[in-house]
């Protein structure tokens, strides 16, 4: 079974690879303004996510807890998860571990 982190990394890699291919497209259809704007937005979002690892840890941690605890009320669970006063410290510690592993 794949870990949540591995699945997350795989998805990010696929998005990044797709963004690189899309970025090299020179021809856009006549309604290209909207398509070009969408592509640029996706690329900008990907770059942002790659430079802010804490977003990845917030999301993957949230999904991990959902899959482990399987709460009946996900909205209430999410509110509790993201307002937990210990969350910033958990993310900070994960970032430290991530830097040490790299």
PDB file of N, CA and C in Angstrom:
ATOM      1  N   UNK A   1       0.840  -1.183   0.000  1.00  0.00           N
ATOM      2  CA  UNK A   1       0.000   0.000   0.000  1.00  0.00           C
ATOM      3  C   UNK A   1       0.885   1.247   0.000  1.00  0.00           C
ATOM      4  N   UNK A   2       0.555   2.178  -0.869  1.00  0.00           N
ATOM      5  CA  UNK A   2       1.340   3.406  -0.969  1.00  0.00           C
ATOM      6  C   UNK A   2       1.017   4.342   0.184  1.00  0.00           C
ATOM      7  N   UNK A   3       2.018   5.033   0.664  1.00  0.00           N
ATOM      8  CA  UNK A   3       1.788   6.011   1.728  1.00  0.00           C
ATOM      9  C   UNK A   3       1.177   7.277   1.134  1.00  0.00           C
ATOM     10  N   UNK A   4       0.527   8.040   1.989  1.00  0.00           N
ATOM     11  CA  UNK A   4      -0.079   9.298   1.552  1.00  0.00           C
ATOM     12  C   UNK A   4       1.000  10.215   0.997  1.00  0.00           C
ATOM     13  N   UNK A   5       2.164  10.243   1.653  1.00  0.00           N
ATOM     14  CA  UNK A   5       3.250  11.105   1.187  1.00  0.00           C
ATOM     15  C   UNK A   5       3.708  10.693  -0.216  1.00  0.00           C
ATOM     16  N   UNK A   6       3.861   9.380  -0.447  1.00  0.00           N
ATOM     17  CA  UNK A   6       4.319   8.899  -1.758  1.00  0.00           C
ATOM     18  C   UNK A   6       3.311   9.249  -2.840  1.00  0.00           C
ATOM     19  N   UNK A   7       2.018   9.073  -2.542  1.00  0.00           N
ATOM     20  CA  UNK A   7       0.977   9.425  -3.509  1.00  0.00           C
ATOM     21  C   UNK A   7       1.021  10.918  -3.782  1.00  0.00           C
ATOM     22  N   UNK A   8       1.179  11.717  -2.729  1.00  0.00           N
ATOM     23  CA  UNK A   8       1.256  13.166  -2.876  1.00  0.00           C
ATOM     24  C   UNK A   8       2.454  13.575  -3.734  1.00  0.00           C
ATOM     25  N   UNK A   9       3.608  12.960  -3.483  1.00  0.00           N
ATOM     26  CA  UNK A   9       4.810  13.259  -4.268  1.00  0.00           C
ATOM     27  C   UNK A   9       4.612  12.872  -5.729  1.00  0.00           C
ATOM     28  N   UNK A  10       3.963  11.725  -5.956  1.00  0.00           N
ATOM     29  CA  UNK A  10       3.729  11.267  -7.320  1.00  0.00           C
ATOM     30  C   UNK A  10       2.814  12.234  -8.059  1.00  0.00           C
ATOM     31  N   UNK A  11       1.765  12.686  -7.391  1.00  0.00           N
ATOM     32  CA  UNK A  11       0.840  13.642  -8.007  1.00  0.00           C
ATOM     33  C   UNK A  11       1.560  14.946  -8.318  1.00  0.00           C
ATOM     34  N   UNK A  12       2.358  15.449  -7.363  1.00  0.00           N
ATOM     35  CA  UNK A  12       3.098  16.696  -7.592  1.00  0.00           C
ATOM     36  C   UNK A  12       4.064  16.550  -8.764  1.00  0.00           C
ATOM     37  N   UNK A  13       4.730  15.411  -8.856  1.00  0.00           N
ATOM     38  CA  UNK A  13       5.668  15.188  -9.959  1.00  0.00           C
ATOM     39  C   UNK A  13       4.940  15.191 -11.301  1.00  0.00           C
ATOM     40  N   UNK A  14       3.797  14.530 -11.354  1.00  0.00           N
ATOM     41  CA  UNK A  14       3.029  14.490 -12.612  1.00  0.00           C
ATOM     42  C   UNK A  14       2.543  15.877 -13.003  1.00  0.00           C
ATOM     43  N   UNK A  15       2.077  16.638 -12.018  1.00  0.00           N
ATOM     44  CA  UNK A  15       1.615  18.003 -12.308  1.00  0.00           C
ATOM     45  C   UNK A  15       2.779  18.843 -12.829  1.00  0.00           C
ATOM     46  N   UNK A  16       3.940  18.723 -12.168  1.00  0.00           N
ATOM     47  CA  UNK A  16       5.104  19.497 -12.573  1.00  0.00           C
ATOM     48  C   UNK A  16       5.534  19.131 -13.998  1.00  0.00           C
ATOM     49  N   UNK A  17       5.582  17.827 -14.291  1.00  0.00           N
ATOM     50  CA  UNK A  17       5.966  17.382 -15.634  1.00  0.00           C
ATOM     51  C   UNK A  17       4.983  17.900 -16.672  1.00  0.00           C
ATOM     52  N   UNK A  18       3.689  17.831 -16.363  1.00  0.00           N
ATOM     53  CA  UNK A  18       2.678  18.339 -17.291  1.00  0.00           C
ATOM     54  C   UNK A  18       2.841  19.836 -17.496  1.00  0.00           C
ATOM     55  N   UNK A  19       3.104  20.550 -16.406  1.00  0.00           N
ATOM     56  CA  UNK A  19       3.280  22.007 -16.503  1.00  0.00           C
ATOM     57  C   UNK A  19       4.483  22.337 -17.378  1.00  0.00           C
ATOM     58  N   UNK A  20       5.556  21.551 -17.272  1.00  0.00           N
ATOM     59  CA  UNK A  20       6.736  21.805 -18.096  1.00  0.00           C
ATOM     60  C   UNK A  20       6.416  21.599 -19.569  1.00  0.00           C
ATOM     61  N   UNK A  21       5.655  20.539 -19.891  1.00  0.00           N
ATOM     62  CA  UNK A  21       5.280  20.294 -21.288  1.00  0.00           C
ATOM     63  C   UNK A  21       4.361  21.400 -21.786  1.00  0.00           C
ATOM     64  N   UNK A  22       3.383  21.771 -20.974  1.00  0.00           N
ATOM     65  CA  UNK A  22       2.433  22.810 -21.370  1.00  0.00           C
ATOM     66  C   UNK A  22       3.145  24.139 -21.554  1.00  0.00           C
ATOM     67  N   UNK A  23       4.120  24.428 -20.690  1.00  0.00           N
ATOM     68  CA  UNK A  23       4.850  25.683 -20.753  1.00  0.00           C
ATOM     69  C   UNK A  23       5.582  25.842 -22.088  1.00  0.00           C
ATOM     70  N   UNK A  24       5.921  24.726 -22.721  1.00  0.00           N
ATOM     71  CA  UNK A  24       6.667  24.803 -23.973  1.00  0.00           C
ATOM     72  C   UNK A  24       5.765  24.926 -25.199  1.00  0.00           C
ATOM     73  N   UNK A  25       4.446  24.901 -25.007  1.00  0.00           N
ATOM     74  CA  UNK A  25       3.523  25.030 -26.134  1.00  0.00           C
ATOM     75  C   UNK A  25       3.587  26.454 -26.672  1.00  0.00           C
ATOM     76  N   UNK A  26       3.736  26.579 -27.979  1.00  0.00           N
ATOM     77  CA  UNK A  26       3.780  27.921 -28.568  1.00  0.00           C
ATOM     78  C   UNK A  26       2.479  28.265 -29.271  1.00  0.00           C
ATOM     79  N   UNK A  27       1.734  27.265 -29.699  1.00  0.00           N
ATOM     80  CA  UNK A  27       0.473  27.519 -30.387  1.00  0.00           C
ATOM     81  C   UNK A  27      -0.683  27.322 -29.423  1.00  0.00           C
ATOM     82  N   UNK A  28      -1.546  28.312 -29.361  1.00  0.00           N
ATOM     83  CA  UNK A  28      -2.761  28.185 -28.568  1.00  0.00           C
ATOM     84  C   UNK A  28      -3.952  28.457 -29.475  1.00  0.00           C
ATOM     85  N   UNK A  29      -5.088  27.790 -29.242  1.00  0.00           N
ATOM     86  CA  UNK A  29      -6.272  28.020 -30.084  1.00  0.00           C
ATOM     87  C   UNK A  29      -6.741  29.470 -30.024  1.00  0.00           C
ATOM     88  N   UNK A  30      -7.711  29.803 -30.871  1.00  0.00           N
ATOM     89  CA  UNK A  30      -8.175  31.191 -30.949  1.00  0.00           C
ATOM     90  C   UNK A  30      -8.707  31.697 -29.610  1.00  0.00           C
ATOM     91  N   UNK A  31      -9.255  30.812 -28.806  1.00  0.00           N
ATOM     92  CA  UNK A  31      -9.703  31.236 -27.480  1.00  0.00           C
ATOM     93  C   UNK A  31      -8.545  31.076 -26.497  1.00  0.00           C
ATOM     94  N   UNK A  32      -7.355  31.258 -26.999  1.00  0.00           N
ATOM     95  CA  UNK A  32      -6.138  30.989 -26.259  1.00  0.00           C
ATOM     96  C   UNK A  32      -5.915  31.839 -25.032  1.00  0.00           C
ATOM     97  N   UNK A  33      -6.517  33.022 -24.972  1.00  0.00           N
ATOM     98  CA  UNK A  33      -6.281  33.869 -23.807  1.00  0.00           C
ATOM     99  C   UNK A  33      -6.658  33.146 -22.529  1.00  0.00           C
ATOM    100  N   UNK A  34      -7.865  32.559 -22.511  1.00  0.00           N
ATOM    101  CA  UNK A  34      -8.328  31.869 -21.301  1.00  0.00           C
ATOM    102  C   UNK A  34      -7.493  30.629 -21.030  1.00  0.00           C
ATOM    103  N   UNK A  35      -7.158  29.906 -22.079  1.00  0.00           N
ATOM    104  CA  UNK A  35      -6.336  28.710 -21.914  1.00  0.00           C
ATOM    105  C   UNK A  35      -4.946  29.090 -21.414  1.00  0.00           C
ATOM    106  N   UNK A  36      -4.369  30.143 -22.017  1.00  0.00           N
ATOM    107  CA  UNK A  36      -3.040  30.587 -21.595  1.00  0.00           C
ATOM    108  C   UNK A  36      -3.068  31.049 -20.141  1.00  0.00           C
ATOM    109  N   UNK A  37      -4.111  31.782 -19.757  1.00  0.00           N
ATOM    110  CA  UNK A  37      -4.241  32.245 -18.385  1.00  0.00           C
ATOM    111  C   UNK A  37      -4.333  31.060 -17.423  1.00  0.00           C
ATOM    112  N   UNK A  38      -5.123  30.037 -17.812  1.00  0.00           N
ATOM    113  CA  UNK A  38      -5.273  28.842 -16.986  1.00  0.00           C
ATOM    114  C   UNK A  38      -3.941  28.112 -16.820  1.00  0.00           C
ATOM    115  N   UNK A  39      -3.216  27.993 -17.905  1.00  0.00           N
ATOM    116  CA  UNK A  39      -1.920  27.310 -17.868  1.00  0.00           C
ATOM    117  C   UNK A  39      -0.945  28.083 -16.980  1.00  0.00           C
ATOM    118  N   UNK A  40      -0.884  29.391 -17.166  1.00  0.00           N
ATOM    119  CA  UNK A  40       0.019  30.212 -16.355  1.00  0.00           C
ATOM    120  C   UNK A  40      -0.343  30.138 -14.879  1.00  0.00           C
ATOM    121  N   UNK A  41      -1.636  30.090 -14.586  1.00  0.00           N
ATOM    122  CA  UNK A  41      -2.082  29.982 -13.199  1.00  0.00           C
ATOM    123  C   UNK A  41      -1.643  28.650 -12.604  1.00  0.00           C
ATOM    124  N   UNK A  42      -1.815  27.569 -13.350  1.00  0.00           N
ATOM    125  CA  UNK A  42      -1.400  26.255 -12.854  1.00  0.00           C
ATOM    126  C   UNK A  42       0.102  26.195 -12.622  1.00  0.00           C
ATOM    127  N   UNK A  43       0.857  26.760 -13.522  1.00  0.00           N
ATOM    128  CA  UNK A  43       2.313  26.769 -13.370  1.00  0.00           C
ATOM    129  C   UNK A  43       2.709  27.593 -12.144  1.00  0.00           C
ATOM    130  N   UNK A  44       2.087  28.759 -11.991  1.00  0.00           N
ATOM    131  CA  UNK A  44       2.379  29.606 -10.824  1.00  0.00           C
ATOM    132  C   UNK A  44       2.011  28.886  -9.522  1.00  0.00           C
ATOM    133  N   UNK A  45       0.878  28.193  -9.523  1.00  0.00           N
ATOM    134  CA  UNK A  45       0.468  27.440  -8.337  1.00  0.00           C
ATOM    135  C   UNK A  45       1.466  26.331  -8.021  1.00  0.00           C
ATOM    136  N   UNK A  46       1.915  25.633  -9.040  1.00  0.00           N
ATOM    137  CA  UNK A  46       2.885  24.544  -8.847  1.00  0.00           C
ATOM    138  C   UNK A  46       4.195  25.090  -8.280  1.00  0.00           C
ATOM    139  N   UNK A  47       4.652  26.205  -8.818  1.00  0.00           N
ATOM    140  CA  UNK A  47       5.884  26.805  -8.306  1.00  0.00           C
ATOM    141  C   UNK A  47       5.723  27.216  -6.846  1.00  0.00           C
ATOM    142  N   UNK A  48       4.561  27.768  -6.517  1.00  0.00           N
ATOM    143  CA  UNK A  48       4.293  28.170  -5.142  1.00  0.00           C
ATOM    144  C   UNK A  48       4.327  26.962  -4.210  1.00  0.00           C
ATOM    145  N   UNK A  49       3.663  25.884  -4.618  1.00  0.00           N
ATOM    146  CA  UNK A  49       3.627  24.672  -3.788  1.00  0.00           C
ATOM    147  C   UNK A  49       5.010  24.066  -3.614  1.00  0.00           C
ATOM    148  N   UNK A  50       5.825  24.137  -4.631  1.00  0.00           N
ATOM    149  CA  UNK A  50       7.173  23.572  -4.528  1.00  0.00           C
ATOM    150  C   UNK A  50       8.081  24.395  -3.609  1.00  0.00           C
ATOM    151  N   UNK A  51       7.798  25.684  -3.469  1.00  0.00           N
ATOM    152  CA  UNK A  51       8.629  26.516  -2.591  1.00  0.00           C
ATOM    153  C   UNK A  51       8.065  26.622  -1.177  1.00  0.00           C
ATOM    154  N   UNK A  52       6.850  26.132  -0.955  1.00  0.00           N
ATOM    155  CA  UNK A  52       6.217  26.177   0.361  1.00  0.00           C
ATOM    156  C   UNK A  52       5.828  24.759   0.776  1.00  0.00           C
ATOM    157  N   UNK A  53       6.830  24.015   1.258  1.00  0.00           N
ATOM    158  CA  UNK A  53       6.616  22.614   1.626  1.00  0.00           C
ATOM    159  C   UNK A  53       5.596  22.468   2.752  1.00  0.00           C
ATOM    160  N   UNK A  54       5.409  23.519   3.542  1.00  0.00           N
ATOM    161  CA  UNK A  54       4.457  23.418   4.635  1.00  0.00           C
ATOM    162  C   UNK A  54       3.040  23.151   4.139  1.00  0.00           C
ATOM    163  N   UNK A  55       2.711  23.615   2.925  1.00  0.00           N
ATOM    164  CA  UNK A  55       1.391  23.344   2.359  1.00  0.00           C
ATOM    165  C   UNK A  55       1.233  21.842   2.145  1.00  0.00           C
ATOM    166  N   UNK A  56       2.277  21.214   1.598  1.00  0.00           N
ATOM    167  CA  UNK A  56       2.239  19.768   1.380  1.00  0.00           C
ATOM    168  C   UNK A  56       2.032  19.029   2.701  1.00  0.00           C
ATOM    169  N   UNK A  57       2.742  19.454   3.759  1.00  0.00           N
ATOM    170  CA  UNK A  57       2.625  18.780   5.052  1.00  0.00           C
ATOM    171  C   UNK A  57       1.257  19.017   5.670  1.00  0.00           C
ATOM    172  N   UNK A  58       0.695  20.202   5.495  1.00  0.00           N
ATOM    173  CA  UNK A  58      -0.653  20.463   6.004  1.00  0.00           C
ATOM    174  C   UNK A  58      -1.674  19.543   5.345  1.00  0.00           C
ATOM    175  N   UNK A  59      -1.606  19.470   4.028  1.00  0.00           N
ATOM    176  CA  UNK A  59      -2.588  18.670   3.280  1.00  0.00           C
ATOM    177  C   UNK A  59      -2.381  17.179   3.504  1.00  0.00           C
ATOM    178  N   UNK A  60      -1.137  16.719   3.402  1.00  0.00           N
ATOM    179  CA  UNK A  60      -0.900  15.281   3.557  1.00  0.00           C
ATOM    180  C   UNK A  60      -1.200  14.831   4.985  1.00  0.00           C
ATOM    181  N   UNK A  61      -0.875  15.680   5.974  1.00  0.00           N
ATOM    182  CA  UNK A  61      -1.200  15.345   7.360  1.00  0.00           C
ATOM    183  C   UNK A  61      -2.698  15.261   7.582  1.00  0.00           C
ATOM    184  N   UNK A  62      -3.420  16.192   6.985  1.00  0.00           N
ATOM    185  CA  UNK A  62      -4.875  16.194   7.095  1.00  0.00           C
ATOM    186  C   UNK A  62      -5.470  14.931   6.490  1.00  0.00           C
ATOM    187  N   UNK A  63      -5.029  14.581   5.271  1.00  0.00           N
ATOM    188  CA  UNK A  63      -5.534  13.366   4.633  1.00  0.00           C
ATOM    189  C   UNK A  63      -5.147  12.112   5.417  1.00  0.00           C
ATOM    190  N   UNK A  64      -3.934  12.082   5.924  1.00  0.00           N
ATOM    191  CA  UNK A  64      -3.489  10.935   6.709  1.00  0.00           C
ATOM    192  C   UNK A  64      -4.422  10.725   7.906  1.00  0.00           C
ATOM    193  N   UNK A  65      -4.709  11.811   8.618  1.00  0.00           N
ATOM    194  CA  UNK A  65      -5.589  11.716   9.789  1.00  0.00           C
ATOM    195  C   UNK A  65      -7.008  11.298   9.399  1.00  0.00           C
ATOM    196  N   UNK A  66      -7.500  11.789   8.278  1.00  0.00           N
ATOM    197  CA  UNK A  66      -8.834  11.394   7.810  1.00  0.00           C
ATOM    198  C   UNK A  66      -8.870   9.897   7.528  1.00  0.00           C
ATOM    199  N   UNK A  67      -7.851   9.406   6.818  1.00  0.00           N
ATOM    200  CA  UNK A  67      -7.843   7.988   6.463  1.00  0.00           C
ATOM    201  C   UNK A  67      -7.655   7.098   7.690  1.00  0.00           C
ATOM    202  N   UNK A  68      -6.900   7.569   8.670  1.00  0.00           N
ATOM    203  CA  UNK A  68      -6.695   6.776   9.880  1.00  0.00           C
ATOM    204  C   UNK A  68      -7.928   6.790  10.791  1.00  0.00           C
ATOM    205  N   UNK A  69      -8.541   7.953  10.947  1.00  0.00           N
ATOM    206  CA  UNK A  69      -9.640   8.089  11.903  1.00  0.00           C
ATOM    207  C   UNK A  69     -11.023   7.918  11.284  1.00  0.00           C
ATOM    208  N   UNK A  70     -11.138   8.143   9.984  1.00  0.00           N
ATOM    209  CA  UNK A  70     -12.402   8.013   9.251  1.00  0.00           C
ATOM    210  C   UNK A  70     -13.587   8.644  10.008  1.00  0.00           C
ATOM    211  N   UNK A  71     -13.513   9.954  10.231  1.00  0.00           N
ATOM    212  CA  UNK A  71     -14.582  10.608  11.012  1.00  0.00           C
ATOM    213  C   UNK A  71     -15.907  10.642  10.257  1.00  0.00           C
ATOM    214  N   UNK A  72     -16.993  10.623  10.996  1.00  0.00           N
ATOM    215  CA  UNK A  72     -18.322  10.714  10.385  1.00  0.00           C
ATOM    216  C   UNK A  72     -18.591  12.136   9.883  1.00  0.00           C
ATOM    217  N   UNK A  73     -18.153  13.113  10.661  1.00  0.00           N
ATOM    218  CA  UNK A  73     -18.378  14.510  10.297  1.00  0.00           C
ATOM    219  C   UNK A  73     -17.032  15.125   9.877  1.00  0.00           C
ATOM    220  N   UNK A  74     -16.786  15.110   8.585  1.00  0.00           N
ATOM    221  CA  UNK A  74     -15.495  15.585   8.069  1.00  0.00           C
ATOM    222  C   UNK A  74     -15.326  17.089   8.265  1.00  0.00           C
ATOM    223  N   UNK A  75     -16.397  17.856   8.121  1.00  0.00           N
ATOM    224  CA  UNK A  75     -16.286  19.307   8.303  1.00  0.00           C
ATOM    225  C   UNK A  75     -15.877  19.650   9.729  1.00  0.00           C
ATOM    226  N   UNK A  76     -16.479  18.983  10.697  1.00  0.00           N
ATOM    227  CA  UNK A  76     -16.117  19.226  12.088  1.00  0.00           C
ATOM    228  C   UNK A  76     -14.684  18.763  12.352  1.00  0.00           C
ATOM    229  N   UNK A  77     -14.339  17.620  11.784  1.00  0.00           N
ATOM    230  CA  UNK A  77     -12.982  17.103  11.942  1.00  0.00           C
ATOM    231  C   UNK A  77     -11.966  18.084  11.358  1.00  0.00           C
ATOM    232  N   UNK A  78     -12.262  18.611  10.150  1.00  0.00           N
ATOM    233  CA  UNK A  78     -11.359  19.568   9.498  1.00  0.00           C
ATOM    234  C   UNK A  78     -11.213  20.829  10.336  1.00  0.00           C
ATOM    235  N   UNK A  79     -12.318  21.317  10.874  1.00  0.00           N
ATOM    236  CA  UNK A  79     -12.259  22.523  11.719  1.00  0.00           C
ATOM    237  C   UNK A  79     -11.366  22.274  12.924  1.00  0.00           C
ATOM    238  N   UNK A  80     -11.528  21.119  13.551  1.00  0.00           N
ATOM    239  CA  UNK A  80     -10.694  20.789  14.712  1.00  0.00           C
ATOM    240  C   UNK A  80      -9.230  20.615  14.314  1.00  0.00           C
ATOM    241  N   UNK A  81      -9.007  19.956  13.180  1.00  0.00           N
ATOM    242  CA  UNK A  81      -7.629  19.696  12.728  1.00  0.00           C
ATOM    243  C   UNK A  81      -6.883  21.002  12.459  1.00  0.00           C
ATOM    244  N   UNK A  82      -7.505  21.890  11.697  1.00  0.00           N
ATOM    245  CA  UNK A  82      -6.809  23.110  11.277  1.00  0.00           C
ATOM    246  C   UNK A  82      -6.784  24.202  12.350  1.00  0.00           C
ATOM    247  N   UNK A  83      -7.552  24.051  13.413  1.00  0.00           N
ATOM    248  CA  UNK A  83      -7.503  25.027  14.508  1.00  0.00           C
ATOM    249  C   UNK A  83      -6.750  24.487  15.718  1.00  0.00           C
ATOM    250  N   UNK A  84      -6.192  23.301  15.592  1.00  0.00           N
ATOM    251  CA  UNK A  84      -5.415  22.712  16.690  1.00  0.00           C
ATOM    252  C   UNK A  84      -4.203  23.607  16.959  1.00  0.00           C
ATOM    253  N   UNK A  85      -4.058  24.118  18.179  1.00  0.00           N
ATOM    254  CA  UNK A  85      -2.928  25.016  18.466  1.00  0.00           C
ATOM    255  C   UNK A  85      -1.558  24.335  18.332  1.00  0.00           C
ATOM    256  N   UNK A  86      -1.530  22.994  18.322  1.00  0.00           N
ATOM    257  CA  UNK A  86      -0.262  22.268  18.166  1.00  0.00           C
ATOM    258  C   UNK A  86       0.142  22.102  16.710  1.00  0.00           C
ATOM    259  N   UNK A  87      -0.771  22.389  15.781  1.00  0.00           N
ATOM    260  CA  UNK A  87      -0.507  22.162  14.358  1.00  0.00           C
ATOM    261  C   UNK A  87       0.713  22.916  13.840  1.00  0.00           C
ATOM    262  N   UNK A  88       0.896  24.206  14.128  1.00  0.00           N
ATOM    263  CA  UNK A  88       2.090  24.895  13.615  1.00  0.00           C
ATOM    264  C   UNK A  88       3.395  24.229  14.054  1.00  0.00           C
ATOM    265  N   UNK A  89       3.436  23.775  15.295  1.00  0.00           N
ATOM    266  CA  UNK A  89       4.635  23.106  15.789  1.00  0.00           C
ATOM    267  C   UNK A  89       4.843  21.766  15.072  1.00  0.00           C
ATOM    268  N   UNK A  90       3.754  21.030  14.831  1.00  0.00           N
ATOM    269  CA  UNK A  90       3.858  19.752  14.119  1.00  0.00           C
ATOM    270  C   UNK A  90       4.436  19.973  12.717  1.00  0.00           C
ATOM    271  N   UNK A  91       3.934  20.984  12.032  1.00  0.00           N
ATOM    272  CA  UNK A  91       4.406  21.280  10.677  1.00  0.00           C
ATOM    273  C   UNK A  91       5.864  21.719  10.718  1.00  0.00           C
ATOM    274  N   UNK A  92       6.207  22.552  11.680  1.00  0.00           N
ATOM    275  CA  UNK A  92       7.593  23.018  11.823  1.00  0.00           C
ATOM    276  C   UNK A  92       8.538  21.838  12.041  1.00  0.00           C
ATOM    277  N   UNK A  93       8.160  20.914  12.914  1.00  0.00           N
ATOM    278  CA  UNK A  93       8.994  19.743  13.189  1.00  0.00           C
ATOM    279  C   UNK A  93       9.131  18.862  11.938  1.00  0.00           C
ATOM    280  N   UNK A  94       8.051  18.740  11.179  1.00  0.00           N
ATOM    281  CA  UNK A  94       8.096  17.945   9.950  1.00  0.00           C
ATOM    282  C   UNK A  94       9.031  18.587   8.924  1.00  0.00           C
ATOM    283  N   UNK A  95       9.007  19.906   8.829  1.00  0.00           N
ATOM    284  CA  UNK A  95       9.908  20.608   7.915  1.00  0.00           C
ATOM    285  C   UNK A  95      11.366  20.394   8.320  1.00  0.00           C
ATOM    286  N   UNK A  96      11.631  20.394   9.617  1.00  0.00           N
ATOM    287  CA  UNK A  96      12.999  20.144  10.109  1.00  0.00           C
ATOM    288  C   UNK A  96      13.427  18.735   9.735  1.00  0.00           C
ATOM    289  N   UNK A  97      12.556  17.744   9.965  1.00  0.00           N
ATOM    290  CA  UNK A  97      12.875  16.365   9.597  1.00  0.00           C
ATOM    291  C   UNK A  97      13.131  16.238   8.103  1.00  0.00           C
ATOM    292  N   UNK A  98      12.309  16.931   7.323  1.00  0.00           N
ATOM    293  CA  UNK A  98      12.428  16.892   5.860  1.00  0.00           C
ATOM    294  C   UNK A  98      13.771  17.455   5.414  1.00  0.00           C
ATOM    295  N   UNK A  99      14.219  18.555   6.032  1.00  0.00           N
ATOM    296  CA  UNK A  99      15.515  19.158   5.684  1.00  0.00           C
ATOM    297  C   UNK A  99      16.669  18.235   6.073  1.00  0.00           C
ATOM    298  N   UNK A 100      16.548  17.566   7.224  1.00  0.00           N
ATOM    299  CA  UNK A 100      17.596  16.660   7.656  1.00  0.00           C
ATOM    300  C   UNK A 100      17.697  15.457   6.721  1.00  0.00           C
ATOM    301  N   UNK A 101      16.560  14.990   6.217  1.00  0.00           N
ATOM    302  CA  UNK A 101      16.550  13.827   5.330  1.00  0.00           C
ATOM    303  C   UNK A 101      17.111  14.161   3.945  1.00  0.00           C
ATOM    304  N   UNK A 102      17.040  15.426   3.573  1.00  0.00           N
ATOM    305  CA  UNK A 102      17.490  15.838   2.220  1.00  0.00           C
ATOM    306  C   UNK A 102      18.975  15.954   2.108  1.00  0.00           C
TER     307      UNK A 102
END
